[in-house]
Amino acid sequence: MANITVRQDGGQALARRSEWDPAAWARDLLRWDPFREMMPGFPSVFAEGMAFSPAFEVKETKEGYQFKADVPGVHEKDLEIARTGNRLTISGKREIEKEEKGDTYYTCERSYGSFTRAFTLPEGIDGEHTRADLKDGVLTLLVPKRPEAQPQRIAVRSAEKKS
């Protein structure tokens, strides 16, 4: 489960990867799987256990929240998106391709399987008008804000004009 957090750098954190960032280093280290490099030699044994976990990009716009995920090879019928209260759950699966007898694999780095991601949405969303699109292997989900939750411009009147 992931909560939506506000990042004030406007996405500049990706551009500053050359700077020393212990948190980024730890994230990269925790994602590293030393046994993954051994898997290419054993495609039939480990292919079932390889986890498919698409990375998500979540951003807030003036109109709402936009979720994007790269899900190549996942069909529309294999995706399920549900919202319960302020909890958004996205799940799906990518099926392993049929393996023919006599095929010789030299490397097997693609991952297959099921995934589930859950996000806690902030207050003020319009869940009734949520839209999801799957195009070219990219899932785009738009969760709009309610009109009263969107920022409104307030005109400033000076005291001189009142009299």
N, C-alpha and C. Protein backbone atom coordinates (compact mmCIF):
# COMPACT_ATOMS: atom_id res chain seq x y z
N MET A 1 0.85 -1.16 0.00
CA MET A 1 0.00 0.00 0.00
C MET A 1 0.90 1.23 0.00
N ALA A 2 0.51 2.23 -0.76
CA ALA A 2 1.29 3.45 -0.83
C ALA A 2 0.38 4.65 -0.62
N ASN A 3 0.82 5.57 0.17
CA ASN A 3 0.11 6.82 0.35
C ASN A 3 0.66 7.82 -0.65
N ILE A 4 -0.18 8.71 -1.10
CA ILE A 4 0.27 9.74 -2.02
C ILE A 4 0.94 10.82 -1.19
N THR A 5 2.20 11.09 -1.49
CA THR A 5 2.94 12.12 -0.76
C THR A 5 3.25 13.26 -1.71
N VAL A 6 3.38 14.44 -1.16
CA VAL A 6 3.66 15.62 -1.96
C VAL A 6 5.16 15.81 -2.04
N ARG A 7 5.66 15.94 -3.26
CA ARG A 7 7.08 16.20 -3.48
C ARG A 7 7.19 17.58 -4.10
N GLN A 8 7.83 18.50 -3.42
CA GLN A 8 7.86 19.89 -3.83
C GLN A 8 8.94 20.20 -4.85
N ASP A 9 9.79 19.24 -5.21
CA ASP A 9 10.89 19.56 -6.11
C ASP A 9 10.48 19.55 -7.58
N GLY A 10 9.21 19.29 -7.89
CA GLY A 10 8.74 19.33 -9.27
C GLY A 10 9.37 18.27 -10.15
N GLY A 11 9.76 17.14 -9.57
CA GLY A 11 10.36 16.07 -10.36
C GLY A 11 11.85 16.22 -10.57
N GLN A 12 12.48 17.17 -9.92
CA GLN A 12 13.91 17.42 -10.11
C GLN A 12 14.76 16.35 -9.45
N ALA A 13 14.17 15.53 -8.58
CA ALA A 13 14.95 14.50 -7.89
C ALA A 13 15.55 13.52 -8.88
N LEU A 14 14.85 13.25 -9.97
CA LEU A 14 15.38 12.34 -10.97
C LEU A 14 16.60 12.92 -11.67
N ALA A 15 16.63 14.24 -11.85
CA ALA A 15 17.75 14.88 -12.52
C ALA A 15 18.97 14.96 -11.60
N ARG A 16 18.79 14.88 -10.29
CA ARG A 16 19.90 15.01 -9.35
C ARG A 16 20.43 13.66 -8.90
N ARG A 17 20.29 12.61 -9.69
CA ARG A 17 20.72 11.28 -9.28
C ARG A 17 22.23 11.20 -9.07
N SER A 18 22.99 12.11 -9.66
CA SER A 18 24.44 12.04 -9.50
C SER A 18 24.87 12.48 -8.10
N GLU A 19 24.02 13.24 -7.38
CA GLU A 19 24.35 13.66 -6.02
C GLU A 19 24.23 12.47 -5.08
N TRP A 20 24.92 12.53 -3.97
CA TRP A 20 24.87 11.47 -2.97
C TRP A 20 23.51 11.51 -2.29
N ASP A 21 22.76 10.44 -2.44
CA ASP A 21 21.44 10.34 -1.84
C ASP A 21 21.32 8.97 -1.21
N PRO A 22 21.54 8.87 0.10
CA PRO A 22 21.51 7.55 0.74
C PRO A 22 20.17 6.85 0.61
N ALA A 23 19.07 7.61 0.59
CA ALA A 23 17.76 6.98 0.46
C ALA A 23 17.61 6.32 -0.91
N ALA A 24 18.05 7.00 -1.96
CA ALA A 24 17.98 6.42 -3.31
C ALA A 24 18.89 5.20 -3.41
N TRP A 25 20.06 5.27 -2.79
CA TRP A 25 20.98 4.14 -2.80
C TRP A 25 20.35 2.93 -2.11
N ALA A 26 19.67 3.16 -1.00
CA ALA A 26 19.04 2.06 -0.27
C ALA A 26 17.89 1.47 -1.08
N ARG A 27 17.10 2.33 -1.75
CA ARG A 27 16.01 1.82 -2.59
C ARG A 27 16.56 0.94 -3.71
N ASP A 28 17.63 1.40 -4.35
CA ASP A 28 18.23 0.61 -5.43
C ASP A 28 18.78 -0.71 -4.90
N LEU A 29 19.40 -0.67 -3.74
CA LEU A 29 19.97 -1.88 -3.16
C LEU A 29 18.89 -2.88 -2.78
N LEU A 30 17.78 -2.40 -2.22
CA LEU A 30 16.72 -3.30 -1.80
C LEU A 30 15.99 -3.91 -3.00
N ARG A 31 16.01 -3.25 -4.14
CA ARG A 31 15.40 -3.81 -5.34
C ARG A 31 16.29 -4.86 -6.01
N TRP A 32 17.58 -4.87 -5.68
CA TRP A 32 18.51 -5.79 -6.30
C TRP A 32 18.32 -7.19 -5.75
N ASP A 33 18.22 -8.13 -6.65
CA ASP A 33 18.04 -9.52 -6.26
C ASP A 33 19.25 -10.30 -6.77
N PRO A 34 20.16 -10.73 -5.89
CA PRO A 34 21.38 -11.40 -6.35
C PRO A 34 21.09 -12.72 -7.07
N PHE A 35 19.96 -13.35 -6.80
CA PHE A 35 19.64 -14.62 -7.43
C PHE A 35 19.08 -14.44 -8.84
N ARG A 36 18.67 -13.23 -9.17
CA ARG A 36 18.10 -12.97 -10.50
C ARG A 36 19.12 -13.22 -11.60
N GLU A 37 20.41 -12.95 -11.30
CA GLU A 37 21.44 -13.17 -12.31
C GLU A 37 21.66 -14.66 -12.57
N MET A 38 21.26 -15.51 -11.65
CA MET A 38 21.40 -16.96 -11.85
C MET A 38 20.22 -17.56 -12.60
N MET A 39 19.10 -16.84 -12.66
CA MET A 39 17.89 -17.38 -13.27
C MET A 39 18.00 -17.68 -14.77
N PRO A 40 18.73 -16.89 -15.58
CA PRO A 40 18.75 -17.20 -17.00
C PRO A 40 19.16 -18.63 -17.31
N GLY A 41 19.95 -19.26 -16.47
CA GLY A 41 20.34 -20.64 -16.71
C GLY A 41 19.25 -21.63 -16.39
N PHE A 42 18.21 -21.21 -15.70
CA PHE A 42 17.14 -22.09 -15.26
C PHE A 42 15.78 -21.50 -15.59
N PRO A 43 15.47 -21.25 -16.87
CA PRO A 43 14.21 -20.57 -17.17
C PRO A 43 12.97 -21.37 -16.81
N SER A 44 12.97 -22.67 -17.01
CA SER A 44 11.76 -23.43 -16.75
C SER A 44 11.51 -23.60 -15.26
N VAL A 45 12.57 -23.63 -14.45
CA VAL A 45 12.42 -23.83 -13.02
C VAL A 45 11.94 -22.56 -12.33
N PHE A 46 12.48 -21.40 -12.71
CA PHE A 46 12.19 -20.15 -11.99
C PHE A 46 11.18 -19.25 -12.67
N ALA A 47 10.78 -19.55 -13.89
CA ALA A 47 9.90 -18.63 -14.62
C ALA A 47 8.58 -18.41 -13.89
N GLU A 48 8.07 -19.44 -13.25
CA GLU A 48 6.80 -19.30 -12.54
C GLU A 48 6.94 -18.36 -11.34
N GLY A 49 8.11 -18.34 -10.69
CA GLY A 49 8.27 -17.56 -9.49
C GLY A 49 8.73 -16.13 -9.71
N MET A 50 9.02 -15.76 -10.94
CA MET A 50 9.47 -14.40 -11.20
C MET A 50 8.31 -13.44 -11.01
N ALA A 51 8.49 -12.45 -10.19
CA ALA A 51 7.41 -11.53 -9.85
C ALA A 51 7.33 -10.40 -10.88
N PHE A 52 6.14 -10.14 -11.33
CA PHE A 52 5.89 -9.01 -12.22
C PHE A 52 5.33 -7.89 -11.38
N SER A 53 6.02 -6.78 -11.32
CA SER A 53 5.59 -5.66 -10.50
C SER A 53 5.85 -4.36 -11.26
N PRO A 54 4.81 -3.83 -11.92
CA PRO A 54 5.02 -2.60 -12.67
C PRO A 54 5.25 -1.40 -11.75
N ALA A 55 6.09 -0.51 -12.20
CA ALA A 55 6.36 0.72 -11.45
C ALA A 55 5.27 1.75 -11.77
N PHE A 56 4.85 2.49 -10.76
CA PHE A 56 3.80 3.48 -10.93
C PHE A 56 4.37 4.88 -10.83
N GLU A 57 3.73 5.78 -11.54
CA GLU A 57 4.04 7.21 -11.47
C GLU A 57 2.73 7.89 -11.08
N VAL A 58 2.74 8.65 -9.99
CA VAL A 58 1.54 9.32 -9.51
C VAL A 58 1.83 10.80 -9.42
N LYS A 59 0.97 11.60 -10.05
CA LYS A 59 1.16 13.04 -9.95
C LYS A 59 -0.18 13.74 -9.75
N GLU A 60 -0.10 14.87 -9.08
CA GLU A 60 -1.29 15.68 -8.83
C GLU A 60 -1.32 16.82 -9.83
N THR A 61 -2.46 17.00 -10.45
CA THR A 61 -2.67 18.13 -11.35
C THR A 61 -3.75 19.02 -10.75
N LYS A 62 -4.04 20.10 -11.43
CA LYS A 62 -5.07 21.02 -10.95
C LYS A 62 -6.43 20.32 -10.93
N GLU A 63 -6.66 19.41 -11.88
CA GLU A 63 -7.96 18.74 -12.01
C GLU A 63 -8.09 17.49 -11.13
N GLY A 64 -6.96 16.84 -10.81
CA GLY A 64 -7.06 15.60 -10.04
C GLY A 64 -5.72 14.91 -9.90
N TYR A 65 -5.77 13.57 -9.82
CA TYR A 65 -4.58 12.76 -9.64
C TYR A 65 -4.45 11.83 -10.84
N GLN A 66 -3.23 11.71 -11.34
CA GLN A 66 -2.97 10.87 -12.52
C GLN A 66 -2.01 9.76 -12.12
N PHE A 67 -2.43 8.52 -12.36
CA PHE A 67 -1.61 7.34 -12.10
C PHE A 67 -1.21 6.76 -13.45
N LYS A 68 0.07 6.45 -13.63
CA LYS A 68 0.54 5.81 -14.85
C LYS A 68 1.39 4.61 -14.47
N ALA A 69 1.22 3.53 -15.22
CA ALA A 69 2.02 2.33 -14.98
C ALA A 69 2.33 1.67 -16.32
N ASP A 70 3.56 1.22 -16.46
CA ASP A 70 3.94 0.47 -17.66
C ASP A 70 3.56 -0.99 -17.44
N VAL A 71 2.60 -1.44 -18.22
CA VAL A 71 2.12 -2.82 -18.10
C VAL A 71 2.14 -3.51 -19.47
N PRO A 72 3.30 -3.61 -20.11
CA PRO A 72 3.34 -4.25 -21.42
C PRO A 72 2.96 -5.72 -21.33
N GLY A 73 2.18 -6.17 -22.28
CA GLY A 73 1.76 -7.57 -22.30
C GLY A 73 0.58 -7.89 -21.42
N VAL A 74 0.05 -6.90 -20.69
CA VAL A 74 -1.12 -7.12 -19.85
C VAL A 74 -2.34 -6.69 -20.66
N HIS A 75 -3.31 -7.58 -20.78
CA HIS A 75 -4.52 -7.30 -21.54
C HIS A 75 -5.55 -6.61 -20.65
N GLU A 76 -6.45 -5.90 -21.29
CA GLU A 76 -7.49 -5.16 -20.58
C GLU A 76 -8.31 -6.08 -19.67
N LYS A 77 -8.59 -7.29 -20.14
CA LYS A 77 -9.39 -8.23 -19.36
C LYS A 77 -8.64 -8.74 -18.12
N ASP A 78 -7.31 -8.59 -18.10
CA ASP A 78 -6.50 -9.06 -16.97
C ASP A 78 -6.24 -7.97 -15.93
N LEU A 79 -6.81 -6.79 -16.12
CA LEU A 79 -6.66 -5.70 -15.16
C LEU A 79 -7.94 -5.52 -14.35
N GLU A 80 -7.78 -5.21 -13.08
CA GLU A 80 -8.92 -4.92 -12.23
C GLU A 80 -8.59 -3.69 -11.39
N ILE A 81 -9.46 -2.69 -11.46
CA ILE A 81 -9.27 -1.46 -10.72
C ILE A 81 -10.49 -1.26 -9.84
N ALA A 82 -10.28 -1.09 -8.55
CA ALA A 82 -11.40 -0.94 -7.61
C ALA A 82 -11.09 0.20 -6.65
N ARG A 83 -12.15 0.88 -6.23
CA ARG A 83 -12.03 1.94 -5.22
C ARG A 83 -13.04 1.67 -4.13
N THR A 84 -12.56 1.60 -2.91
CA THR A 84 -13.42 1.44 -1.74
C THR A 84 -13.09 2.59 -0.80
N GLY A 85 -14.01 3.52 -0.68
CA GLY A 85 -13.75 4.71 0.13
C GLY A 85 -12.60 5.49 -0.47
N ASN A 86 -11.55 5.68 0.30
CA ASN A 86 -10.38 6.38 -0.23
C ASN A 86 -9.23 5.44 -0.59
N ARG A 87 -9.54 4.15 -0.74
CA ARG A 87 -8.53 3.14 -1.09
C ARG A 87 -8.69 2.75 -2.55
N LEU A 88 -7.64 2.96 -3.34
CA LEU A 88 -7.62 2.58 -4.75
C LEU A 88 -6.74 1.35 -4.90
N THR A 89 -7.29 0.29 -5.48
CA THR A 89 -6.54 -0.95 -5.65
C THR A 89 -6.47 -1.28 -7.14
N ILE A 90 -5.25 -1.52 -7.62
CA ILE A 90 -5.02 -1.87 -9.01
C ILE A 90 -4.33 -3.22 -9.02
N SER A 91 -4.93 -4.18 -9.70
CA SER A 91 -4.33 -5.51 -9.78
C SER A 91 -4.43 -6.03 -11.21
N GLY A 92 -3.57 -6.96 -11.51
CA GLY A 92 -3.56 -7.53 -12.85
C GLY A 92 -2.60 -8.69 -12.92
N LYS A 93 -2.47 -9.24 -14.12
CA LYS A 93 -1.54 -10.35 -14.30
C LYS A 93 -1.04 -10.36 -15.74
N ARG A 94 0.17 -10.85 -15.89
CA ARG A 94 0.76 -11.07 -17.21
C ARG A 94 1.09 -12.55 -17.30
N GLU A 95 0.43 -13.20 -18.24
CA GLU A 95 0.57 -14.64 -18.40
C GLU A 95 1.90 -15.00 -19.04
N ILE A 96 2.46 -16.13 -18.62
CA ILE A 96 3.68 -16.64 -19.25
C ILE A 96 3.32 -17.22 -20.61
N GLU A 97 4.19 -17.00 -21.56
CA GLU A 97 3.94 -17.51 -22.90
C GLU A 97 4.13 -19.02 -22.92
N LYS A 98 3.45 -19.65 -23.84
CA LYS A 98 3.52 -21.11 -23.94
C LYS A 98 4.93 -21.51 -24.33
N GLU A 99 5.46 -22.47 -23.58
CA GLU A 99 6.81 -22.95 -23.83
C GLU A 99 6.74 -24.21 -24.68
N GLU A 100 7.39 -24.18 -25.80
CA GLU A 100 7.41 -25.33 -26.71
C GLU A 100 8.52 -26.29 -26.30
N LYS A 101 8.26 -27.57 -26.45
CA LYS A 101 9.28 -28.57 -26.16
C LYS A 101 10.39 -28.42 -27.18
N GLY A 102 11.60 -28.48 -26.73
CA GLY A 102 12.75 -28.36 -27.62
C GLY A 102 13.26 -26.94 -27.78
N ASP A 103 12.56 -25.96 -27.18
CA ASP A 103 13.05 -24.58 -27.23
C ASP A 103 14.30 -24.46 -26.36
N THR A 104 15.27 -23.70 -26.86
CA THR A 104 16.49 -23.45 -26.10
C THR A 104 16.53 -21.99 -25.70
N TYR A 105 16.55 -21.75 -24.39
CA TYR A 105 16.63 -20.38 -23.89
C TYR A 105 18.08 -20.06 -23.55
N TYR A 106 18.54 -18.91 -24.01
CA TYR A 106 19.87 -18.45 -23.66
C TYR A 106 19.82 -17.42 -22.54
N THR A 107 18.71 -16.75 -22.43
CA THR A 107 18.47 -15.85 -21.31
C THR A 107 16.96 -15.72 -21.14
N CYS A 108 16.53 -15.49 -19.92
CA CYS A 108 15.11 -15.33 -19.63
C CYS A 108 14.99 -14.26 -18.55
N GLU A 109 14.80 -13.01 -18.99
CA GLU A 109 14.78 -11.89 -18.05
C GLU A 109 13.40 -11.27 -17.89
N ARG A 110 12.44 -11.72 -18.67
CA ARG A 110 11.08 -11.18 -18.57
C ARG A 110 10.39 -11.77 -17.35
N SER A 111 9.52 -10.97 -16.74
CA SER A 111 8.83 -11.46 -15.55
C SER A 111 7.34 -11.60 -15.85
N TYR A 112 6.73 -12.54 -15.15
CA TYR A 112 5.32 -12.85 -15.33
C TYR A 112 4.69 -13.01 -13.97
N GLY A 113 3.37 -12.99 -13.96
CA GLY A 113 2.67 -13.25 -12.72
C GLY A 113 1.64 -12.18 -12.41
N SER A 114 1.18 -12.19 -11.19
CA SER A 114 0.14 -11.26 -10.74
C SER A 114 0.76 -10.15 -9.92
N PHE A 115 0.09 -9.01 -9.91
CA PHE A 115 0.52 -7.90 -9.08
C PHE A 115 -0.71 -7.23 -8.49
N THR A 116 -0.52 -6.59 -7.36
CA THR A 116 -1.55 -5.79 -6.72
C THR A 116 -0.88 -4.59 -6.09
N ARG A 117 -1.42 -3.41 -6.36
CA ARG A 117 -0.93 -2.17 -5.73
C ARG A 117 -2.12 -1.46 -5.12
N ALA A 118 -1.94 -0.90 -3.94
CA ALA A 118 -3.01 -0.16 -3.27
C ALA A 118 -2.50 1.23 -2.91
N PHE A 119 -3.33 2.23 -3.14
CA PHE A 119 -2.98 3.62 -2.84
C PHE A 119 -4.08 4.21 -1.97
N THR A 120 -3.69 5.02 -1.00
CA THR A 120 -4.64 5.74 -0.19
C THR A 120 -4.81 7.13 -0.80
N LEU A 121 -6.02 7.43 -1.23
CA LEU A 121 -6.30 8.71 -1.88
C LEU A 121 -6.62 9.77 -0.84
N PRO A 122 -6.25 11.01 -1.12
CA PRO A 122 -6.58 12.08 -0.18
C PRO A 122 -8.07 12.43 -0.23
N GLU A 123 -8.52 13.22 0.71
CA GLU A 123 -9.92 13.66 0.73
C GLU A 123 -10.19 14.58 -0.45
N GLY A 124 -11.44 14.65 -0.87
CA GLY A 124 -11.84 15.59 -1.92
C GLY A 124 -11.78 15.05 -3.33
N ILE A 125 -11.74 13.71 -3.49
CA ILE A 125 -11.72 13.15 -4.84
C ILE A 125 -13.14 12.88 -5.32
N ASP A 126 -13.31 12.86 -6.62
CA ASP A 126 -14.60 12.54 -7.24
C ASP A 126 -14.50 11.13 -7.80
N GLY A 127 -14.79 10.14 -6.98
CA GLY A 127 -14.64 8.74 -7.38
C GLY A 127 -15.59 8.29 -8.46
N GLU A 128 -16.70 8.99 -8.63
CA GLU A 128 -17.70 8.59 -9.63
C GLU A 128 -17.23 8.85 -11.06
N HIS A 129 -16.29 9.76 -11.25
CA HIS A 129 -15.83 10.12 -12.59
C HIS A 129 -14.41 9.67 -12.86
N THR A 130 -13.96 8.64 -12.16
CA THR A 130 -12.64 8.08 -12.38
C THR A 130 -12.59 7.41 -13.75
N ARG A 131 -11.49 7.61 -14.47
CA ARG A 131 -11.34 7.08 -15.83
C ARG A 131 -10.04 6.29 -15.93
N ALA A 132 -10.09 5.17 -16.62
CA ALA A 132 -8.89 4.35 -16.84
C ALA A 132 -8.76 4.04 -18.32
N ASP A 133 -7.53 4.18 -18.85
CA ASP A 133 -7.24 3.88 -20.24
C ASP A 133 -6.01 3.00 -20.31
N LEU A 134 -6.01 2.06 -21.25
CA LEU A 134 -4.86 1.21 -21.51
C LEU A 134 -4.50 1.39 -22.97
N LYS A 135 -3.34 1.99 -23.22
CA LYS A 135 -2.93 2.25 -24.61
C LYS A 135 -1.43 2.03 -24.72
N ASP A 136 -1.03 1.23 -25.69
CA ASP A 136 0.38 0.95 -25.97
C ASP A 136 1.12 0.44 -24.73
N GLY A 137 0.47 -0.36 -23.92
CA GLY A 137 1.11 -0.95 -22.75
C GLY A 137 1.25 -0.01 -21.56
N VAL A 138 0.58 1.15 -21.61
CA VAL A 138 0.62 2.10 -20.50
C VAL A 138 -0.78 2.26 -19.94
N LEU A 139 -0.94 1.98 -18.67
CA LEU A 139 -2.21 2.18 -17.97
C LEU A 139 -2.22 3.59 -17.41
N THR A 140 -3.24 4.37 -17.77
CA THR A 140 -3.40 5.73 -17.26
C THR A 140 -4.73 5.80 -16.53
N LEU A 141 -4.68 6.21 -15.30
CA LEU A 141 -5.86 6.30 -14.46
C LEU A 141 -5.98 7.73 -13.96
N LEU A 142 -7.13 8.36 -14.21
CA LEU A 142 -7.37 9.73 -13.79
C LEU A 142 -8.44 9.75 -12.70
N VAL A 143 -8.10 10.26 -11.55
CA VAL A 143 -9.02 10.39 -10.43
C VAL A 143 -9.23 11.89 -10.23
N PRO A 144 -10.38 12.43 -10.68
CA PRO A 144 -10.58 13.88 -10.57
C PRO A 144 -10.88 14.34 -9.15
N LYS A 145 -10.62 15.60 -8.92
CA LYS A 145 -10.97 16.23 -7.65
C LYS A 145 -12.39 16.76 -7.77
N ARG A 146 -13.09 16.83 -6.64
CA ARG A 146 -14.41 17.46 -6.63
C ARG A 146 -14.23 18.94 -6.91
N PRO A 147 -15.22 19.58 -7.54
CA PRO A 147 -15.08 21.02 -7.84
C PRO A 147 -14.79 21.86 -6.59
N GLU A 148 -15.39 21.50 -5.47
CA GLU A 148 -15.15 22.29 -4.26
C GLU A 148 -13.75 22.06 -3.69
N ALA A 149 -13.08 20.98 -4.09
CA ALA A 149 -11.74 20.71 -3.61
C ALA A 149 -10.67 21.33 -4.50
N GLN A 150 -11.05 21.82 -5.68
CA GLN A 150 -10.09 22.43 -6.58
C GLN A 150 -9.82 23.87 -6.14
N PRO A 151 -8.59 24.32 -6.34
CA PRO A 151 -8.27 25.68 -5.94
C PRO A 151 -9.06 26.70 -6.77
N GLN A 152 -9.52 27.73 -6.11
CA GLN A 152 -10.28 28.78 -6.78
C GLN A 152 -9.58 30.11 -6.57
N ARG A 153 -9.61 30.91 -7.60
CA ARG A 153 -9.00 32.24 -7.53
C ARG A 153 -9.98 33.18 -6.82
N ILE A 154 -9.46 33.92 -5.86
CA ILE A 154 -10.27 34.87 -5.10
C ILE A 154 -9.79 36.27 -5.45
N ALA A 155 -10.70 37.08 -5.94
CA ALA A 155 -10.35 38.44 -6.33
C ALA A 155 -10.13 39.29 -5.09
N VAL A 156 -9.13 40.16 -5.18
CA VAL A 156 -8.81 41.06 -4.08
C VAL A 156 -9.40 42.42 -4.39
N ARG A 157 -10.18 42.93 -3.45
CA ARG A 157 -10.77 44.26 -3.63
C ARG A 157 -10.13 45.19 -2.62
N SER A 158 -9.81 46.35 -3.05
CA SER A 158 -9.22 47.30 -2.12
C SER A 158 -10.32 48.05 -1.38
N ALA A 159 -10.01 48.56 -0.22
CA ALA A 159 -10.99 49.27 0.60
C ALA A 159 -11.37 50.61 -0.02
N GLU A 160 -10.52 51.17 -0.86
CA GLU A 160 -10.78 52.46 -1.49
C GLU A 160 -11.97 52.41 -2.44
N LYS A 161 -12.16 51.29 -3.14
CA LYS A 161 -13.23 51.18 -4.11
C LYS A 161 -14.60 51.00 -3.46
N LYS A 162 -14.66 50.60 -2.21
CA LYS A 162 -15.95 50.35 -1.54
C LYS A 162 -16.72 51.64 -1.31
N SER A 163 -16.05 52.75 -1.00
CA SER A 163 -16.75 53.99 -0.66
C SER A 163 -17.13 54.82 -1.84
